[in-house]
Protein backbone atom coordinates (compact mmCIF):
# COMPACT_ATOMS: atom_id res chain seq x y z
CA UNK A 1 35.84 -39.66 -57.28
CA UNK A 2 33.46 -39.40 -60.25
CA UNK A 3 30.28 -41.47 -59.93
CA UNK A 4 27.53 -41.90 -62.51
CA UNK A 5 24.14 -43.44 -61.67
CA UNK A 6 22.11 -44.74 -64.63
CA UNK A 7 18.32 -45.02 -64.20
CA UNK A 8 16.60 -45.70 -67.51
CA UNK A 9 12.92 -46.14 -66.69
CA UNK A 10 9.85 -44.27 -65.41
CA UNK A 11 9.00 -41.39 -63.08
CA UNK A 12 8.38 -43.50 -59.99
CA UNK A 13 11.55 -45.52 -60.53
CA UNK A 14 13.67 -42.36 -60.56
CA UNK A 15 11.95 -40.95 -57.46
CA UNK A 16 12.62 -44.25 -55.68
CA UNK A 17 16.31 -43.83 -56.56
CA UNK A 18 16.68 -40.54 -54.66
CA UNK A 19 17.44 -42.28 -51.32
CA UNK A 20 20.38 -43.98 -53.05
CA UNK A 21 21.65 -40.59 -54.21
CA UNK A 22 21.32 -39.19 -50.69
CA UNK A 23 23.25 -42.12 -49.25
CA UNK A 24 26.01 -41.69 -51.85
CA UNK A 25 26.34 -38.00 -51.04
CA UNK A 26 26.51 -38.72 -47.32
CA UNK A 27 29.14 -41.42 -47.80
CA UNK A 28 31.21 -39.45 -50.34
CA UNK A 29 30.68 -35.75 -49.57
CA UNK A 30 33.53 -34.68 -51.88
CA UNK A 31 32.57 -36.91 -54.82
CA UNK A 32 31.22 -35.69 -58.14
CA UNK A 33 27.87 -37.47 -58.67
CA UNK A 34 25.92 -37.44 -61.91
CA UNK A 35 22.73 -39.15 -63.08
CA UNK A 36 21.83 -40.34 -66.57
CA UNK A 37 18.08 -40.78 -67.08
CA UNK A 38 15.21 -40.33 -69.50
CA UNK A 39 14.74 -36.66 -70.49
CA UNK A 40 11.05 -36.88 -69.62
CA UNK A 41 12.03 -37.41 -65.97
CA UNK A 42 14.46 -34.50 -65.72
CA UNK A 43 12.22 -32.35 -63.45
CA UNK A 44 12.36 -35.07 -60.78
CA UNK A 45 16.00 -34.21 -60.05
CA UNK A 46 15.72 -30.45 -60.47
CA UNK A 47 17.27 -28.81 -57.43
CA UNK A 48 18.35 -32.15 -55.96
CA UNK A 49 21.14 -31.30 -53.48
CA UNK A 50 22.83 -34.69 -53.78
CA UNK A 51 23.92 -34.54 -57.43
CA UNK A 52 26.24 -32.39 -59.49
CA UNK A 53 24.74 -32.95 -62.94
CA UNK A 54 21.89 -34.59 -64.83
CA UNK A 55 22.38 -36.14 -68.27
CA UNK A 56 19.21 -36.62 -70.29
CA UNK A 57 18.70 -39.03 -73.14
CA UNK A 58 15.48 -39.56 -75.07
CA UNK A 59 13.77 -42.72 -76.14
CA UNK A 60 12.80 -42.97 -79.79
CA UNK A 61 9.12 -43.36 -78.83
CA UNK A 62 9.24 -39.95 -77.15
CA UNK A 63 10.56 -38.13 -80.21
CA UNK A 64 8.77 -35.05 -81.57
CA UNK A 65 6.51 -35.32 -84.61
CA UNK A 66 9.17 -33.86 -86.91
CA UNK A 67 12.03 -35.98 -85.57
CA UNK A 68 13.38 -39.26 -86.89
CA UNK A 69 14.46 -42.25 -84.88
CA UNK A 70 17.91 -41.83 -86.40
CA UNK A 71 18.13 -38.29 -85.02
CA UNK A 72 17.24 -39.43 -81.52
CA UNK A 73 19.75 -42.28 -81.67
CA UNK A 74 22.44 -39.90 -82.93
CA UNK A 75 21.82 -37.59 -79.97
CA UNK A 76 22.12 -40.52 -77.57
CA UNK A 77 25.38 -41.60 -79.22
CA UNK A 78 26.75 -38.08 -78.81
CA UNK A 79 25.79 -38.11 -75.13
CA UNK A 80 27.52 -41.46 -74.59
CA UNK A 81 30.67 -40.13 -76.25
CA UNK A 82 30.56 -37.06 -74.01
CA UNK A 83 30.17 -39.22 -70.90
CA UNK A 84 32.95 -41.55 -72.01
CA UNK A 85 35.34 -38.60 -72.16
CA UNK A 86 34.50 -37.74 -68.53
CA UNK A 87 36.25 -40.94 -67.34
CA UNK A 88 34.05 -42.04 -64.46
CA UNK A 89 35.58 -44.01 -61.60
CA UNK A 90 32.33 -45.84 -60.90
CA UNK A 91 29.03 -46.44 -62.69
CA UNK A 92 26.02 -47.70 -60.75
CA UNK A 93 23.32 -49.40 -62.83
CA UNK A 94 20.11 -48.71 -60.93
CA UNK A 95 17.77 -50.24 -63.50
CA UNK A 96 17.63 -53.35 -65.68
CA UNK A 97 19.36 -52.86 -69.01
CA UNK A 98 21.54 -50.01 -67.78
CA UNK A 99 24.69 -52.12 -68.07
CA UNK A 100 24.69 -51.90 -71.87
CA UNK A 101 25.04 -48.13 -71.55
CA UNK A 102 27.64 -48.45 -68.81
CA UNK A 103 29.86 -50.70 -70.92
CA UNK A 104 30.03 -48.04 -73.63
CA UNK A 105 31.55 -45.55 -71.17
CA UNK A 106 34.82 -47.42 -70.71
CA UNK A 107 34.49 -47.42 -66.91
CA UNK A 108 36.44 -50.11 -65.10
CA UNK A 109 34.06 -50.51 -62.17
CA UNK A 110 30.38 -51.15 -62.94
CA UNK A 111 27.93 -52.28 -60.25
CA UNK A 112 24.44 -53.60 -60.97
CA UNK A 113 21.58 -53.77 -58.48
CA UNK A 114 20.74 -57.24 -57.19
CA UNK A 115 17.06 -57.55 -58.11
CA UNK A 116 16.51 -61.03 -56.72
CA UNK A 117 14.17 -61.45 -53.76
CA UNK A 118 11.46 -59.20 -52.39
CA UNK A 119 11.47 -55.64 -51.14
CA UNK A 120 10.46 -52.14 -52.06
CA UNK A 121 12.01 -50.54 -55.14
CA UNK A 122 13.96 -48.13 -52.92
CA UNK A 123 15.43 -51.11 -51.05
CA UNK A 124 16.23 -53.01 -54.24
CA UNK A 125 17.99 -49.98 -55.71
CA UNK A 126 19.86 -49.30 -52.49
CA UNK A 127 21.43 -52.77 -52.62
CA UNK A 128 23.98 -51.14 -54.90
CA UNK A 129 25.45 -49.59 -51.76
CA UNK A 130 26.32 -52.98 -50.27
CA UNK A 131 28.95 -53.48 -52.99
CA UNK A 132 30.58 -50.30 -51.70
CA UNK A 133 30.58 -51.51 -48.11
CA UNK A 134 27.64 -49.27 -47.19
CA UNK A 135 24.80 -51.03 -45.38
CA UNK A 136 22.60 -48.03 -44.59
CA UNK A 137 18.85 -48.43 -44.93
CA UNK A 138 17.25 -46.19 -47.57
CA UNK A 139 16.00 -42.90 -46.19
CA UNK A 140 13.36 -40.45 -47.39
CA UNK A 141 12.59 -39.56 -50.98
CA UNK A 142 13.84 -36.21 -52.29
CA UNK A 143 11.70 -34.07 -54.61
CA UNK A 144 11.58 -30.29 -54.95
CA UNK A 145 9.01 -28.32 -56.98
CA UNK A 146 10.21 -25.81 -59.56
CA UNK A 147 10.07 -22.44 -57.80
CA UNK A 148 8.81 -20.45 -60.79
CA UNK A 149 6.07 -22.99 -61.58
CA UNK A 150 5.09 -23.05 -57.90
CA UNK A 151 4.64 -19.27 -57.82
CA UNK A 152 2.63 -19.30 -61.05
CA UNK A 153 0.28 -22.04 -59.83
CA UNK A 154 -0.16 -20.36 -56.46
CA UNK A 155 -1.43 -17.33 -58.33
CA UNK A 156 -3.60 -19.35 -60.77
CA UNK A 157 -5.28 -21.59 -58.20
CA UNK A 158 -6.26 -18.75 -55.82
CA UNK A 159 -6.53 -21.08 -52.86
CA UNK A 160 -7.82 -19.72 -49.57
CA UNK A 161 -5.56 -19.57 -46.56
CA UNK A 162 -7.34 -22.33 -44.63
CA UNK A 163 -8.29 -24.57 -47.57
CA UNK A 164 -7.99 -28.31 -46.99
CA UNK A 165 -7.26 -29.65 -50.45
CA UNK A 166 -7.64 -33.22 -51.62
CA UNK A 167 -5.78 -33.91 -54.86
CA UNK A 168 -7.52 -36.52 -57.02
CA UNK A 169 -5.59 -37.98 -59.94
CA UNK A 170 -7.77 -39.76 -62.50
CA UNK A 171 -5.25 -41.43 -64.75
CA UNK A 172 -3.40 -44.73 -64.67
CA UNK A 173 -1.29 -46.38 -67.36
CA UNK A 174 -2.58 -49.91 -66.77
CA UNK A 175 -6.29 -50.58 -67.54
CA UNK A 176 -6.80 -52.55 -64.32
CA UNK A 177 -5.57 -49.57 -62.29
CA UNK A 178 -8.30 -47.21 -63.60
CA UNK A 179 -11.08 -46.39 -61.16
CA UNK A 180 -14.37 -45.50 -62.91
CA UNK A 181 -15.30 -41.85 -63.38
CA UNK A 182 -18.71 -42.23 -61.74
CA UNK A 183 -17.01 -43.44 -58.55
CA UNK A 184 -14.62 -40.52 -58.59
CA UNK A 185 -17.65 -38.24 -58.81
CA UNK A 186 -19.44 -40.01 -55.94
CA UNK A 187 -16.35 -39.93 -53.73
CA UNK A 188 -15.73 -36.24 -54.38
CA UNK A 189 -19.35 -35.38 -53.53
CA UNK A 190 -19.14 -37.28 -50.25
CA UNK A 191 -15.78 -35.84 -49.22
CA UNK A 192 -17.07 -32.31 -49.79
CA UNK A 193 -20.54 -32.83 -48.28
CA UNK A 194 -19.09 -34.44 -45.14
CA UNK A 195 -16.54 -31.66 -44.66
CA UNK A 196 -13.55 -33.95 -45.15
CA UNK A 197 -12.01 -31.44 -47.55
CA UNK A 198 -12.89 -27.92 -48.64
CA UNK A 199 -11.52 -28.14 -52.19
CA UNK A 200 -10.68 -30.80 -54.73
CA UNK A 201 -7.69 -30.35 -57.01
CA UNK A 202 -8.32 -32.50 -60.08
CA UNK A 203 -5.32 -33.93 -61.96
CA UNK A 204 -5.12 -36.21 -64.99
CA UNK A 205 -2.76 -37.20 -67.79
CA UNK A 206 -3.43 -34.59 -70.50
CA UNK A 207 -4.16 -35.48 -74.11
CA UNK A 208 -6.50 -37.56 -76.21
CA UNK A 209 -7.21 -41.19 -75.34
CA UNK A 210 -6.10 -42.33 -78.80
CA UNK A 211 -2.70 -40.58 -78.74
CA UNK A 212 -0.28 -43.45 -79.60
CA UNK A 213 2.66 -41.98 -77.65
CA UNK A 214 1.02 -40.29 -74.65
CA UNK A 215 -2.64 -41.34 -74.29
CA UNK A 216 -4.50 -38.96 -72.02
CA UNK A 217 -7.77 -38.46 -70.19
CA UNK A 218 -8.97 -35.03 -71.34
CA UNK A 219 -12.42 -36.44 -72.21
CA UNK A 220 -12.82 -38.15 -68.84
CA UNK A 221 -11.73 -35.03 -66.98
CA UNK A 222 -14.17 -32.86 -68.95
CA UNK A 223 -16.98 -35.30 -68.17
CA UNK A 224 -16.17 -35.31 -64.46
CA UNK A 225 -15.87 -31.52 -64.25
CA UNK A 226 -19.25 -31.16 -65.99
CA UNK A 227 -20.83 -33.63 -63.54
CA UNK A 228 -19.41 -31.72 -60.57
CA UNK A 229 -20.22 -28.24 -61.87
CA UNK A 230 -20.90 -25.83 -59.03
CA UNK A 231 -18.75 -27.66 -56.49
CA UNK A 232 -15.30 -26.44 -55.33
CA UNK A 233 -13.41 -28.61 -57.82
CA UNK A 234 -10.41 -27.00 -59.51
CA UNK A 235 -8.86 -28.46 -62.65
CA UNK A 236 -5.07 -28.48 -62.63
CA UNK A 237 -3.91 -29.13 -66.22
CA UNK A 238 -0.48 -30.77 -66.06
CA UNK A 239 1.01 -30.62 -69.53
CA UNK A 240 4.46 -30.78 -67.97
CA UNK A 241 5.93 -32.84 -65.17
CA UNK A 242 7.00 -29.60 -63.44
CA UNK A 243 3.33 -28.61 -63.21
CA UNK A 244 2.32 -31.98 -61.75
CA UNK A 245 4.98 -31.70 -59.05
CA UNK A 246 4.13 -28.09 -58.23
CA UNK A 247 0.38 -28.74 -58.29
CA UNK A 248 0.48 -31.74 -55.96
CA UNK A 249 2.54 -29.72 -53.50
CA UNK A 250 -0.59 -27.65 -52.70
CA UNK A 251 -2.59 -30.71 -51.61
CA UNK A 252 -3.07 -31.79 -48.01
CA UNK A 253 -3.82 -35.35 -49.12
CA UNK A 254 -3.83 -37.29 -52.38
CA UNK A 255 -6.10 -39.99 -53.82
CA UNK A 256 -4.82 -41.87 -56.85
CA UNK A 257 -3.95 -45.22 -58.38
CA UNK A 258 -0.45 -46.66 -58.36
CA UNK A 259 1.71 -44.80 -60.86
CA UNK A 260 4.04 -41.88 -61.38
CA UNK A 261 1.73 -39.33 -59.73
CA UNK A 262 1.56 -41.48 -56.58
CA UNK A 263 5.34 -41.50 -56.26
CA UNK A 264 5.47 -37.75 -56.92
CA UNK A 265 3.02 -37.28 -54.03
CA UNK A 266 5.15 -39.53 -51.82
CA UNK A 267 8.23 -37.53 -52.77
CA UNK A 268 6.39 -34.40 -51.63
CA UNK A 269 5.56 -36.13 -48.29
CA UNK A 270 1.79 -36.12 -48.92
CA UNK A 271 -0.46 -38.67 -47.16
CA UNK A 272 -2.01 -40.91 -49.84
CA UNK A 273 -5.02 -43.14 -50.39
CA UNK A 274 -3.89 -45.38 -53.23
CA UNK A 275 -5.57 -48.00 -55.39
CA UNK A 276 -3.54 -50.97 -56.57
CA UNK A 277 -4.67 -53.25 -59.38
CA UNK A 278 -2.27 -55.67 -61.05
CA UNK A 279 0.95 -54.27 -59.61
CA UNK A 280 2.98 -55.29 -56.58
CA UNK A 281 2.05 -53.37 -53.44
CA UNK A 282 5.16 -54.77 -51.71
CA UNK A 283 7.45 -53.29 -54.31
CA UNK A 284 5.64 -50.06 -55.21
CA UNK A 285 3.69 -48.81 -52.18
CA UNK A 286 4.25 -45.15 -51.23
CA UNK A 287 7.61 -44.87 -49.50
CA UNK A 288 8.20 -43.09 -46.22
CA UNK A 289 4.80 -41.41 -45.73
CA UNK A 290 1.40 -42.30 -44.17
CA UNK A 291 -0.84 -44.10 -46.65
CA UNK A 292 -3.89 -46.34 -46.98
CA UNK A 293 -3.61 -48.94 -49.73
CA UNK A 294 -6.61 -50.70 -51.27
CA UNK A 295 -6.08 -53.80 -53.42
CA UNK A 296 -8.61 -56.52 -54.22
CA UNK A 297 -7.92 -60.24 -54.80
CA UNK A 298 -9.07 -59.69 -58.40
CA UNK A 299 -6.23 -57.17 -58.84
CA UNK A 300 -8.69 -54.82 -60.53
CA UNK A 301 -9.44 -51.43 -58.98
CA UNK A 302 -12.98 -51.45 -60.39
CA UNK A 303 -13.80 -53.81 -57.51
CA UNK A 304 -13.02 -51.08 -54.95
CA UNK A 305 -16.23 -49.40 -53.79
CA UNK A 306 -16.81 -45.74 -52.96
CA UNK A 307 -17.57 -46.71 -49.35
CA UNK A 308 -14.22 -48.49 -49.06
CA UNK A 309 -12.36 -45.52 -50.51
CA UNK A 310 -14.09 -43.01 -48.19
CA UNK A 311 -13.46 -45.26 -45.17
CA UNK A 312 -9.76 -45.49 -46.08
CA UNK A 313 -9.66 -41.70 -46.47
CA UNK A 314 -11.16 -41.24 -42.98
CA UNK A 315 -8.72 -43.75 -41.47
CA UNK A 316 -5.85 -41.78 -42.96
CA UNK A 317 -7.24 -38.51 -41.62
CA UNK A 318 -7.39 -40.07 -38.15
CA UNK A 319 -3.81 -41.30 -38.42
CA UNK A 320 -2.37 -37.94 -39.40
CA UNK A 321 -4.43 -36.07 -36.79
CA UNK A 322 -6.58 -33.91 -39.08
CA UNK A 323 -9.94 -35.54 -38.32
């Protein structure tokens, strides 16, 4: 049997699809299983033991400066033609809008996820299995760091053997998910002064704030690093997704807002303190790991205080037995 899973959206969405891939592999150990997804997300499935191949397409908004929209669309058309010639027995549409791609492949059996009702994204995606007579509950996320990038970062970071590292990720796509820089600074000072961590690994979305395609937080990170000069705070520039995955793997715990980095941390089985603004905690909370989630009635993370964040951090330490 040849099975193709189409997942068209963001980093977290693809990570939340890995339990579906694991269930498919367990149910059909001899099947050929492929995934079609956004090229930007390709590192998420690197080394995934449950798939045979990854097919990357690019969105026009992610094209390089010297590329035209027509060129990107032509490459996608060529990929669709290639997939059509593979003659899949089954296509699973794991995201909204995937069916329009599936129809172009000439596959007789196409199954779409039932997105009605509540539940976590992993559970919603795994409803595809019910159409195949499989009623297994979604298991753990699967995410493996790139080995070469892991070795390089291990050398660059020069972490001590007994370091207890808290990874702090500054960035969030939605404005109401962005915790202020001064509170990040205050929290980091308290965590270090109270011996709750020995080192901070600082992550952020790289780039300028006014970049129309990939706005970043280089200025905010520089400001925070200057404010915390002299403290054991290590910048971890993540210009690639491989670096983000490898870098977060060195953390003992993670503090961040809801977003792709949070799901990467969950995929790496890291305990998380997470801030939720105007997104659904029911649907997007960290899956399968210990976490403390803070969300205010205002649905704006700026209403979360430093005291509340530190208290949540200590609760999580107690739960995982490191306090």
